C-alpha atoms as a PDB file:
ATOM      1  CA  MET A   1       0.000   0.000   0.000  1.00  0.00           C
ATOM      2  CA  ILE A   2       1.362   3.423  -0.957  1.00  0.00           C
ATOM      3  CA  ILE A   3       0.565   6.323   1.344  1.00  0.00           C
ATOM      4  CA  ARG A   4       1.193   9.862   0.214  1.00  0.00           C
ATOM      5  CA  THR A   5       0.029  13.307   1.214  1.00  0.00           C
ATOM      6  CA  ILE A   6      -2.222  15.695  -0.560  1.00  0.00           C
ATOM      7  CA  LEU A   7      -2.916  19.237   0.410  1.00  0.00           C
ATOM      8  CA  GLY A   8      -5.569  20.414   2.773  1.00  0.00           C
ATOM      9  CA  ALA A   9      -6.518  22.965   0.149  1.00  0.00           C
ATOM     10  CA  VAL A  10      -8.052  20.175  -1.884  1.00  0.00           C
ATOM     11  CA  LEU A  11     -10.417  19.576   1.009  1.00  0.00           C
ATOM     12  CA  ILE A  12     -11.341  23.227   1.047  1.00  0.00           C
ATOM     13  CA  ALA A  13     -12.166  23.091  -2.652  1.00  0.00           C
ATOM     14  CA  ALA A  14     -13.510  19.565  -2.873  1.00  0.00           C
ATOM     15  CA  CYS A  15     -15.193  18.827   0.409  1.00  0.00           C
ATOM     16  CA  ALA A  16     -15.650  22.149   2.165  1.00  0.00           C
ATOM     17  CA  VAL A  17     -14.107  20.593   5.257  1.00  0.00           C
ATOM     18  CA  PRO A  18     -11.800  22.817   7.293  1.00  0.00           C
ATOM     19  CA  ALA A  19      -8.230  21.695   6.869  1.00  0.00           C
ATOM     20  CA  VAL A  20      -5.719  21.336   9.652  1.00  0.00           C
ATOM     21  CA  ALA A  21      -2.424  22.667   8.415  1.00  0.00           C
ATOM     22  CA  ALA A  22       0.425  20.192   8.483  1.00  0.00           C
ATOM     23  CA  PRO A  23       3.980  21.491   8.462  1.00  0.00           C
ATOM     24  CA  THR A  24       4.783  20.223   4.959  1.00  0.00           C
ATOM     25  CA  GLU A  25       4.053  17.590   2.362  1.00  0.00           C
ATOM     26  CA  ILE A  26       4.563  14.081   3.748  1.00  0.00           C
ATOM     27  CA  GLY A  27       6.460  11.709   1.492  1.00  0.00           C
ATOM     28  CA  TYR A  28       7.277  14.433  -1.024  1.00  0.00           C
ATOM     29  CA  PRO A  29      10.045  17.028  -1.264  1.00  0.00           C
ATOM     30  CA  ARG A  30       9.181  20.315   0.437  1.00  0.00           C
ATOM     31  CA  HIS A  31       6.986  22.559  -1.738  1.00  0.00           C
ATOM     32  CA  ALA A  32       6.666  19.822  -4.383  1.00  0.00           C
ATOM     33  CA  LEU A  33       2.879  19.908  -4.038  1.00  0.00           C
ATOM     34  CA  GLY A  34       2.496  23.597  -3.256  1.00  0.00           C
ATOM     35  CA  TYR A  35       0.974  22.827   0.159  1.00  0.00           C
ATOM     36  CA  ALA A  36       1.835  25.991   2.083  1.00  0.00           C
ATOM     37  CA  ALA A  37       0.992  28.217  -0.875  1.00  0.00           C
ATOM     38  CA  MET A  38      -2.386  26.559  -1.386  1.00  0.00           C
ATOM     39  CA  MET A  39      -3.188  26.832   2.313  1.00  0.00           C
ATOM     40  CA  ALA A  40      -2.385  30.547   2.064  1.00  0.00           C
ATOM     41  CA  ARG A  41      -4.540  30.718  -1.075  1.00  0.00           C
ATOM     42  CA  ASP A  42      -1.478  31.894  -3.019  1.00  0.00           C
ATOM     43  CA  TYR A  43      -2.383  29.993  -6.148  1.00  0.00           C
ATOM     44  CA  VAL A  44       0.249  31.703  -8.318  1.00  0.00           C
ATOM     45  CA  THR A  45       3.024  30.367  -6.086  1.00  0.00           C
ATOM     46  CA  ALA A  46       1.327  26.980  -5.734  1.00  0.00           C
ATOM     47  CA  GLU A  47       1.077  26.604  -9.507  1.00  0.00           C
ATOM     48  CA  ARG A  48       4.700  27.618  -9.954  1.00  0.00           C
ATOM     49  CA  GLN A  49       5.803  25.064  -7.350  1.00  0.00           C
ATOM     50  CA  LEU A  50       3.673  22.289  -8.823  1.00  0.00           C
ATOM     51  CA  ARG A  51       4.899  22.910 -12.365  1.00  0.00           C
ATOM     52  CA  ALA A  52       8.545  23.251 -11.303  1.00  0.00           C
ATOM     53  CA  SER A  53       8.623  20.072  -9.243  1.00  0.00           C
ATOM     54  CA  SER A  54      10.886  17.703 -11.153  1.00  0.00           C
ATOM     55  CA  ASP A  55      10.931  15.315  -8.172  1.00  0.00           C
ATOM     56  CA  VAL A  56       7.264  14.352  -8.604  1.00  0.00           C
ATOM     57  CA  ALA A  57       5.987  12.598 -11.727  1.00  0.00           C
ATOM     58  CA  ALA A  58       3.630  14.629 -13.864  1.00  0.00           C
ATOM     59  CA  THR A  59       1.171  11.738 -13.567  1.00  0.00           C
ATOM     60  CA  ASP A  60       1.301  11.523  -9.754  1.00  0.00           C
ATOM     61  CA  PRO A  61      -2.329  11.678  -8.561  1.00  0.00           C
ATOM     62  CA  ALA A  62      -1.536  14.122  -5.731  1.00  0.00           C
ATOM     63  CA  ARG A  63       0.175  16.481  -8.152  1.00  0.00           C
ATOM     64  CA  LEU A  64      -2.690  16.190 -10.659  1.00  0.00           C
ATOM     65  CA  ILE A  65      -5.325  16.845  -8.006  1.00  0.00           C
ATOM     66  CA  ASN A  66      -3.506  19.831  -6.551  1.00  0.00           C
ATOM     67  CA  LEU A  67      -2.744  21.379  -9.926  1.00  0.00           C
ATOM     68  CA  GLY A  68      -6.335  20.768 -11.009  1.00  0.00           C
ATOM     69  CA  THR A  69      -7.532  22.476  -7.851  1.00  0.00           C
ATOM     70  CA  VAL A  70      -5.262  25.464  -8.523  1.00  0.00           C
ATOM     71  CA  MET A  71      -6.628  25.721 -12.058  1.00  0.00           C
ATOM     72  CA  ILE A  72     -10.213  25.686 -10.808  1.00  0.00           C
ATOM     73  CA  GLN A  73      -9.475  28.193  -8.044  1.00  0.00           C
ATOM     74  CA  THR A  74      -8.009  30.553 -10.654  1.00  0.00           C
ATOM     75  CA  GLY A  75     -10.950  30.304 -13.040  1.00  0.00           C
ATOM     76  CA  ARG A  76      -9.574  27.709 -15.449  1.00  0.00           C
ATOM     77  CA  GLN A  77     -12.303  25.114 -14.972  1.00  0.00           C
ATOM     78  CA  ALA A  78     -11.721  23.222 -18.225  1.00  0.00           C
ATOM     79  CA  GLU A  79      -8.018  22.733 -17.512  1.00  0.00           C
ATOM     80  CA  GLY A  80      -8.648  21.889 -13.882  1.00  0.00           C
ATOM     81  CA  THR A  81     -11.395  19.433 -14.716  1.00  0.00           C
ATOM     82  CA  ALA A  82      -9.137  17.677 -17.245  1.00  0.00           C
ATOM     83  CA  LEU A  83      -6.416  17.251 -14.600  1.00  0.00           C
ATOM     84  CA  LEU A  84      -8.905  15.941 -12.040  1.00  0.00           C
ATOM     85  CA  GLU A  85     -10.265  13.486 -14.624  1.00  0.00           C
ATOM     86  CA  GLN A  86      -6.721  12.319 -15.297  1.00  0.00           C
ATOM     87  CA  ALA A  87      -6.211  11.791 -11.550  1.00  0.00           C
ATOM     88  CA  ARG A  88      -9.517   9.919 -11.327  1.00  0.00           C
ATOM     89  CA  LYS A  89      -8.324   7.506 -14.011  1.00  0.00           C
ATOM     90  CA  SER A  90      -4.744   7.154 -12.789  1.00  0.00           C
ATOM     91  CA  GLU A  91      -3.177   4.895 -10.190  1.00  0.00           C
ATOM     92  CA  ASP A  92      -5.325   4.785  -7.042  1.00  0.00           C
ATOM     93  CA  ILE A  93      -3.058   5.633  -4.118  1.00  0.00           C
ATOM     94  CA  GLU A  94      -3.866   6.349  -0.509  1.00  0.00           C
ATOM     95  CA  LEU A  95      -3.354   9.993   0.384  1.00  0.00           C
ATOM     96  CA  VAL A  96      -3.019  11.639   3.760  1.00  0.00           C
ATOM     97  CA  LEU A  97      -5.200  14.732   3.605  1.00  0.00           C
ATOM     98  CA  GLY A  98      -4.497  18.050   5.248  1.00  0.00           C
ATOM     99  CA  ASN A  99      -6.839  17.196   8.117  1.00  0.00           C
ATOM    100  CA  GLY A 100      -4.981  13.943   8.836  1.00  0.00           C
ATOM    101  CA  ARG A 101      -7.605  11.640   7.300  1.00  0.00           C
ATOM    102  CA  THR A 102      -6.666   9.230   4.561  1.00  0.00           C
ATOM    103  CA  MET A 103      -8.565   8.813   1.329  1.00  0.00           C
ATOM    104  CA  TRP A 104      -7.928   7.096  -1.984  1.00  0.00           C
ATOM    105  CA  SER A 105      -6.813   9.444  -4.735  1.00  0.00           C
ATOM    106  CA  ARG A 106      -9.632   8.461  -7.087  1.00  0.00           C
ATOM    107  CA  ASP A 107     -12.178   9.321  -4.395  1.00  0.00           C
ATOM    108  CA  VAL A 108     -10.518  12.704  -3.800  1.00  0.00           C
ATOM    109  CA  ALA A 109     -10.582  13.400  -7.536  1.00  0.00           C
ATOM    110  CA  ARG A 110     -14.260  12.371  -7.774  1.00  0.00           C
ATOM    111  CA  ARG A 111     -15.194  14.658  -4.880  1.00  0.00           C
ATOM    112  CA  ALA A 112     -13.289  17.550  -6.404  1.00  0.00           C
ATOM    113  CA  LEU A 113     -14.962  16.973  -9.768  1.00  0.00           C
ATOM    114  CA  ALA A 114     -18.361  16.967  -8.110  1.00  0.00           C
ATOM    115  CA  THR A 115     -17.771  20.507  -6.852  1.00  0.00           C
ATOM    116  CA  VAL A 116     -16.777  22.005 -10.199  1.00  0.00           C
ATOM    117  CA  THR A 117     -19.497  24.293 -11.442  1.00  0.00           C
ATOM    118  CA  VAL A 118     -19.794  25.055 -15.097  1.00  0.00           C
ATOM    119  CA  SER A 119     -20.508  28.650 -15.952  1.00  0.00           C
ATOM    120  CA  TYR A 120     -22.626  29.374 -18.992  1.00  0.00           C
ATOM    121  CA  ALA A 121     -22.882  32.691 -20.726  1.00  0.00           C
ATOM    122  CA  ALA A 122     -26.298  34.251 -20.838  1.00  0.00           C
ATOM    123  CA  ARG A 123     -27.428  37.137 -22.936  1.00  0.00           C
END
């Protein structure tokens, strides 16, 4: 069983559950998942950290979920949704969430996808 950490910010976006801040990403290099930046709602820094992280595979479910969340939080729903869909279809790993709970990555991705609202233009 693989256990990894995902950011509490995903819970804020996906589950509307208050996150308990952990000191850093567990099982990942510091800032590799943009944890502190996402918790501070500094999505520009979080995106930069997530994209620059050469130590985490581009297909890592935690990275996909966090980057997808950043995209959604910054108004790029289509891009964010695509990343969350990719995470939903990727390897199912157990993640330690920001509140200390564990959840399978596919379930986290599904919950995040369920919260994405599509905006339609009206005239």
